[in-house]
């Protein structure tokens, strides 16, 4: 499926989904997220490249979910 350039430009110009973006920005602020990449894993904020710690946090969260 190709991007419909005219439709995309219209949505961008009219800010059709601006409310969605603003809601996401506000939620990020509430969680103390100020940059990307940022991840919340079981309420723990992880900012930037995490390497092996990222996978350990995910594995731990999955283990806790069982």
N, C-alpha and C. Protein backbone atom coordinates (compact mmCIF):
# COMPACT_ATOMS: atom_id res chain seq x y z
N UNK A 1 0.84 -1.17 0.00
CA UNK A 1 0.00 0.00 0.00
C UNK A 1 0.90 1.24 0.00
N UNK A 2 0.63 2.14 -0.89
CA UNK A 2 1.40 3.38 -1.01
C UNK A 2 0.73 4.50 -0.23
N UNK A 3 1.53 5.44 0.22
CA UNK A 3 1.02 6.62 0.90
C UNK A 3 0.31 7.51 -0.09
N UNK A 4 -0.88 7.94 0.25
CA UNK A 4 -1.61 8.90 -0.57
C UNK A 4 -1.12 10.28 -0.18
N UNK A 5 -0.23 10.82 -0.98
CA UNK A 5 0.42 12.09 -0.68
C UNK A 5 -0.55 13.24 -0.49
N UNK A 6 -1.57 13.31 -1.32
CA UNK A 6 -2.54 14.41 -1.22
C UNK A 6 -3.31 14.33 0.09
N UNK A 7 -3.74 13.13 0.44
CA UNK A 7 -4.48 12.94 1.69
C UNK A 7 -3.59 13.24 2.90
N UNK A 8 -2.34 12.79 2.84
CA UNK A 8 -1.39 13.06 3.91
C UNK A 8 -1.17 14.56 4.08
N UNK A 9 -0.94 15.25 2.98
CA UNK A 9 -0.71 16.69 3.03
C UNK A 9 -1.92 17.43 3.60
N UNK A 10 -3.12 16.99 3.24
CA UNK A 10 -4.34 17.61 3.75
C UNK A 10 -4.46 17.42 5.26
N UNK A 11 -4.21 16.19 5.73
CA UNK A 11 -4.27 15.92 7.17
C UNK A 11 -3.23 16.75 7.93
N UNK A 12 -2.06 16.87 7.36
CA UNK A 12 -0.99 17.65 7.99
C UNK A 12 -1.37 19.12 8.04
N UNK A 13 -1.87 19.63 6.94
CA UNK A 13 -2.26 21.05 6.86
C UNK A 13 -3.40 21.37 7.82
N UNK A 14 -4.40 20.48 7.90
CA UNK A 14 -5.58 20.72 8.73
C UNK A 14 -5.40 20.24 10.17
N UNK A 15 -4.23 19.65 10.44
CA UNK A 15 -3.94 19.12 11.79
C UNK A 15 -5.05 18.17 12.25
N UNK A 16 -5.46 17.30 11.34
CA UNK A 16 -6.58 16.38 11.57
C UNK A 16 -6.37 15.53 12.83
N UNK A 17 -5.16 15.08 13.05
CA UNK A 17 -4.89 14.20 14.19
C UNK A 17 -4.02 14.87 15.24
N UNK A 18 -4.01 16.20 15.23
CA UNK A 18 -3.22 16.96 16.20
C UNK A 18 -3.60 16.63 17.64
N UNK A 19 -4.89 16.37 17.88
CA UNK A 19 -5.34 16.05 19.24
C UNK A 19 -4.71 14.75 19.74
N UNK A 20 -4.46 13.81 18.84
CA UNK A 20 -3.83 12.55 19.23
C UNK A 20 -2.38 12.80 19.62
N UNK A 21 -1.69 13.57 18.83
CA UNK A 21 -0.30 13.91 19.12
C UNK A 21 -0.20 14.67 20.44
N UNK A 22 -1.09 15.64 20.64
CA UNK A 22 -1.06 16.42 21.88
C UNK A 22 -1.35 15.56 23.10
N UNK A 23 -2.25 14.60 22.99
CA UNK A 23 -2.53 13.69 24.10
C UNK A 23 -1.31 12.85 24.42
N UNK A 24 -0.61 12.37 23.41
CA UNK A 24 0.60 11.58 23.63
C UNK A 24 1.70 12.41 24.28
N UNK A 25 1.84 13.65 23.85
CA UNK A 25 2.84 14.54 24.44
C UNK A 25 2.52 14.79 25.90
N UNK A 26 1.26 15.04 26.21
CA UNK A 26 0.86 15.29 27.60
C UNK A 26 1.11 14.05 28.47
N UNK A 27 0.78 12.87 27.97
CA UNK A 27 1.02 11.65 28.72
C UNK A 27 2.51 11.45 28.98
N UNK A 28 3.32 11.73 27.98
CA UNK A 28 4.78 11.62 28.15
C UNK A 28 5.25 12.56 29.25
N UNK A 29 4.76 13.77 29.26
CA UNK A 29 5.14 14.73 30.30
C UNK A 29 4.76 14.23 31.69
N UNK A 30 3.58 13.64 31.79
CA UNK A 30 3.12 13.12 33.08
C UNK A 30 4.05 12.03 33.62
N UNK A 31 4.65 11.28 32.73
CA UNK A 31 5.56 10.20 33.12
C UNK A 31 7.01 10.66 33.18
N UNK A 32 7.25 11.93 32.93
CA UNK A 32 8.61 12.45 33.01
C UNK A 32 9.46 12.14 31.80
N UNK A 33 8.82 11.85 30.70
CA UNK A 33 9.55 11.54 29.47
C UNK A 33 9.81 12.83 28.72
N UNK A 34 11.08 13.09 28.43
CA UNK A 34 11.45 14.33 27.76
C UNK A 34 12.25 14.10 26.48
N UNK A 35 12.46 12.85 26.10
CA UNK A 35 13.24 12.57 24.90
C UNK A 35 12.97 11.18 24.39
N UNK A 36 13.56 10.88 23.27
CA UNK A 36 13.41 9.57 22.66
C UNK A 36 14.78 8.97 22.40
N UNK A 37 14.91 7.68 22.42
CA UNK A 37 13.86 6.74 22.80
C UNK A 37 13.70 6.67 24.32
N UNK A 38 12.47 6.51 24.74
CA UNK A 38 12.14 6.32 26.15
C UNK A 38 11.13 5.19 26.24
N UNK A 39 11.27 4.39 27.28
CA UNK A 39 10.40 3.24 27.46
C UNK A 39 9.95 3.17 28.91
N UNK A 40 8.69 2.82 29.13
CA UNK A 40 8.18 2.53 30.46
C UNK A 40 7.94 1.02 30.52
N UNK A 41 8.64 0.37 31.42
CA UNK A 41 8.47 -1.07 31.59
C UNK A 41 8.12 -1.30 33.05
N UNK A 42 6.87 -1.71 33.28
CA UNK A 42 6.35 -1.88 34.63
C UNK A 42 6.58 -0.63 35.48
N UNK A 43 6.36 0.53 34.87
CA UNK A 43 6.48 1.79 35.59
C UNK A 43 7.89 2.32 35.71
N UNK A 44 8.88 1.59 35.24
CA UNK A 44 10.27 2.04 35.30
C UNK A 44 10.63 2.72 33.98
N UNK A 45 11.06 3.97 34.09
CA UNK A 45 11.43 4.74 32.91
C UNK A 45 12.85 4.39 32.50
N UNK A 46 13.02 4.02 31.26
CA UNK A 46 14.33 3.73 30.69
C UNK A 46 14.52 4.67 29.50
N UNK A 47 15.53 5.51 29.57
CA UNK A 47 15.77 6.52 28.54
C UNK A 47 17.05 6.18 27.78
N UNK A 48 16.97 6.28 26.47
CA UNK A 48 18.14 6.05 25.64
C UNK A 48 18.37 4.59 25.34
N UNK A 49 19.45 4.33 24.69
CA UNK A 49 19.83 2.97 24.34
C UNK A 49 20.20 2.21 25.60
N UNK A 50 19.59 1.06 25.81
CA UNK A 50 19.75 0.33 27.06
C UNK A 50 20.57 -0.95 26.91
N UNK A 51 20.72 -1.42 25.70
CA UNK A 51 21.46 -2.66 25.50
C UNK A 51 20.83 -3.82 26.23
N UNK A 52 21.66 -4.60 26.89
CA UNK A 52 21.21 -5.82 27.57
C UNK A 52 20.23 -5.51 28.71
N UNK A 53 20.37 -4.36 29.37
CA UNK A 53 19.45 -3.99 30.46
C UNK A 53 18.01 -3.92 29.98
N UNK A 54 17.82 -3.49 28.76
CA UNK A 54 16.48 -3.40 28.19
C UNK A 54 15.84 -4.79 28.11
N UNK A 55 16.59 -5.74 27.61
CA UNK A 55 16.06 -7.10 27.48
C UNK A 55 15.84 -7.74 28.85
N UNK A 56 16.70 -7.45 29.80
CA UNK A 56 16.52 -7.97 31.16
C UNK A 56 15.25 -7.41 31.78
N UNK A 57 14.97 -6.12 31.56
CA UNK A 57 13.77 -5.50 32.11
C UNK A 57 12.52 -6.11 31.49
N UNK A 58 12.55 -6.37 30.20
CA UNK A 58 11.40 -6.99 29.53
C UNK A 58 11.21 -8.42 30.04
N UNK A 59 12.29 -9.18 30.11
CA UNK A 59 12.20 -10.56 30.61
C UNK A 59 11.63 -10.59 32.03
N UNK A 60 12.07 -9.66 32.87
CA UNK A 60 11.60 -9.59 34.24
C UNK A 60 10.11 -9.25 34.28
N UNK A 61 9.69 -8.30 33.45
CA UNK A 61 8.28 -7.92 33.39
C UNK A 61 7.42 -9.07 32.91
N UNK A 62 7.91 -9.81 31.93
CA UNK A 62 7.16 -10.97 31.45
C UNK A 62 7.06 -12.07 32.51
N UNK A 63 8.14 -12.27 33.24
CA UNK A 63 8.14 -13.28 34.30
C UNK A 63 7.16 -12.91 35.40
N UNK A 64 7.10 -11.61 35.72
CA UNK A 64 6.17 -11.13 36.76
C UNK A 64 4.72 -11.25 36.32
N UNK A 65 4.47 -11.24 35.02
CA UNK A 65 3.11 -11.28 34.49
C UNK A 65 2.52 -12.69 34.54
N UNK A 66 3.34 -13.67 34.71
CA UNK A 66 2.86 -15.07 34.69
C UNK A 66 2.29 -15.46 36.02
